C-alpha atoms as a PDB file:
ATOM      1  CA  MET A   1      -8.356 -24.246  12.657  1.00  0.00           C
ATOM      2  CA  SER A   2      -7.499 -26.973  15.952  1.00  0.00           C
ATOM      3  CA  ASP A   3      -6.098 -25.523  18.885  1.00  0.00           C
ATOM      4  CA  GLU A   4      -2.866 -27.190  18.269  1.00  0.00           C
ATOM      5  CA  LEU A   5      -2.589 -25.744  14.334  1.00  0.00           C
ATOM      6  CA  SER A   6      -3.102 -22.278  15.297  1.00  0.00           C
ATOM      7  CA  ARG A   7      -0.141 -22.742  17.747  1.00  0.00           C
ATOM      8  CA  ASN A   8       2.027 -24.350  15.233  1.00  0.00           C
ATOM      9  CA  TRP A   9       1.016 -21.208  13.051  1.00  0.00           C
ATOM     10  CA  VAL A  10       1.892 -18.613  15.052  1.00  0.00           C
ATOM     11  CA  GLU A  11       4.958 -19.735  16.247  1.00  0.00           C
ATOM     12  CA  THR A  12       6.158 -20.583  12.823  1.00  0.00           C
ATOM     13  CA  TRP A  13       4.824 -16.696  12.078  1.00  0.00           C
ATOM     14  CA  ASP A  14       6.936 -15.270  15.392  1.00  0.00           C
ATOM     15  CA  ARG A  15      10.127 -16.818  14.307  1.00  0.00           C
ATOM     16  CA  ALA A  16       9.436 -16.479  10.616  1.00  0.00           C
ATOM     17  CA  GLY A  17       8.619 -12.359  11.659  1.00  0.00           C
ATOM     18  CA  PRO A  18      12.059 -10.849  12.324  1.00  0.00           C
ATOM     19  CA  GLU A  19      14.091 -12.927   9.400  1.00  0.00           C
ATOM     20  CA  LEU A  20      11.729 -11.701   6.799  1.00  0.00           C
ATOM     21  CA  GLU A  21      11.510  -8.224   7.925  1.00  0.00           C
ATOM     22  CA  ALA A  22      15.737  -8.439   7.723  1.00  0.00           C
ATOM     23  CA  ILE A  23      15.255  -9.859   4.202  1.00  0.00           C
ATOM     24  CA  LYS A  24      12.633  -7.003   3.569  1.00  0.00           C
ATOM     25  CA  ARG A  25      15.394  -4.179   5.300  1.00  0.00           C
ATOM     26  CA  ARG A  26      18.288  -5.704   3.014  1.00  0.00           C
ATOM     27  CA  THR A  27      16.450  -5.416  -0.015  1.00  0.00           C
ATOM     28  CA  LEU A  28      15.158  -1.956   0.683  1.00  0.00           C
ATOM     29  CA  GLU A  29      18.629  -0.472   1.439  1.00  0.00           C
ATOM     30  CA  ALA A  30      20.242  -2.428  -1.533  1.00  0.00           C
ATOM     31  CA  MET A  31      18.286  -0.445  -3.478  1.00  0.00           C
ATOM     32  CA  THR A  32      19.508   2.046  -6.660  1.00  0.00           C
ATOM     33  CA  ASP A  33      17.579   5.163  -6.907  1.00  0.00           C
ATOM     34  CA  ALA A  34      16.579   3.744 -10.527  1.00  0.00           C
ATOM     35  CA  ASP A  35      15.417   0.355  -8.743  1.00  0.00           C
ATOM     36  CA  VAL A  36      12.597   3.156  -6.974  1.00  0.00           C
ATOM     37  CA  ARG A  37      11.750   5.177 -10.459  1.00  0.00           C
ATOM     38  CA  ASP A  38      10.999   1.532 -11.666  1.00  0.00           C
ATOM     39  CA  HIS A  39       8.433   0.914  -8.702  1.00  0.00           C
ATOM     40  CA  VAL A  40       7.155   3.891  -8.775  1.00  0.00           C
ATOM     41  CA  ASN A  41       6.414   3.640 -12.617  1.00  0.00           C
ATOM     42  CA  ASP A  42       5.189   0.030 -12.076  1.00  0.00           C
ATOM     43  CA  LEU A  43       2.402   1.297  -8.998  1.00  0.00           C
ATOM     44  CA  PHE A  44       1.688   3.711 -11.255  1.00  0.00           C
ATOM     45  CA  ALA A  45       1.094   2.178 -14.808  1.00  0.00           C
ATOM     46  CA  GLY A  46      -1.204  -0.680 -13.308  1.00  0.00           C
ATOM     47  CA  TRP A  47      -4.303  -2.023 -14.225  1.00  0.00           C
ATOM     48  CA  TYR A  48      -7.418   0.813 -14.701  1.00  0.00           C
ATOM     49  CA  PRO A  49     -10.856   0.663 -16.200  1.00  0.00           C
ATOM     50  CA  THR A  50     -11.496   1.568 -19.519  1.00  0.00           C
ATOM     51  CA  ASP A  51     -14.567   3.438 -19.127  1.00  0.00           C
ATOM     52  CA  LEU A  52     -13.102   5.880 -16.386  1.00  0.00           C
ATOM     53  CA  PRO A  53     -14.240   9.859 -17.761  1.00  0.00           C
ATOM     54  CA  ALA A  54     -11.640  11.704 -18.624  1.00  0.00           C
ATOM     55  CA  SER A  55     -10.784  14.238 -15.646  1.00  0.00           C
ATOM     56  CA  VAL A  56      -9.501  17.990 -16.427  1.00  0.00           C
ATOM     57  CA  ASP A  57      -8.485  18.068 -12.875  1.00  0.00           C
ATOM     58  CA  SER A  58      -6.500  17.000 -10.055  1.00  0.00           C
ATOM     59  CA  GLY A  59     -10.051  16.348  -8.416  1.00  0.00           C
ATOM     60  CA  LEU A  60      -8.954  18.098  -5.068  1.00  0.00           C
ATOM     61  CA  VAL A  61     -11.755  21.053  -5.209  1.00  0.00           C
ATOM     62  CA  GLU A  62     -13.891  18.233  -5.260  1.00  0.00           C
ATOM     63  CA  GLN A  63     -12.729  16.779  -2.438  1.00  0.00           C
ATOM     64  CA  GLN A  64     -12.678  20.145  -0.438  1.00  0.00           C
ATOM     65  CA  ARG A  65     -16.644  20.389  -0.813  1.00  0.00           C
ATOM     66  CA  TRP A  66     -16.674  17.046   0.572  1.00  0.00           C
ATOM     67  CA  PHE A  67     -14.827  17.490   3.259  1.00  0.00           C
ATOM     68  CA  ALA A  68     -17.040  20.803   3.610  1.00  0.00           C
ATOM     69  CA  LYS A  69     -20.135  19.227   3.767  1.00  0.00           C
ATOM     70  CA  ALA A  70     -19.000  16.541   6.352  1.00  0.00           C
ATOM     71  CA  HIS A  71     -17.534  19.304   9.209  1.00  0.00           C
ATOM     72  CA  PRO A  72     -20.127  19.991  11.242  1.00  0.00           C
ATOM     73  CA  ARG A  73     -21.127  23.794  11.996  1.00  0.00           C
ATOM     74  CA  ALA A  74     -20.346  25.816  14.707  1.00  0.00           C
END
């Protein structure tokens, strides 16, 4: 990318960034509780590999085991 093209790109985002942030803020402020629940449900209903093993726990015990192994001994 040339210097001029890079400069133009940065200038464009300098102008667009604040406006895009304002649009994002207005959109978030206008969300209802139902909208938020729908978005959260969409996040957790995403695509997952079908060959994942069934889990009967949250994984916190395994996580703590890994943390204990990684923690330096005093």
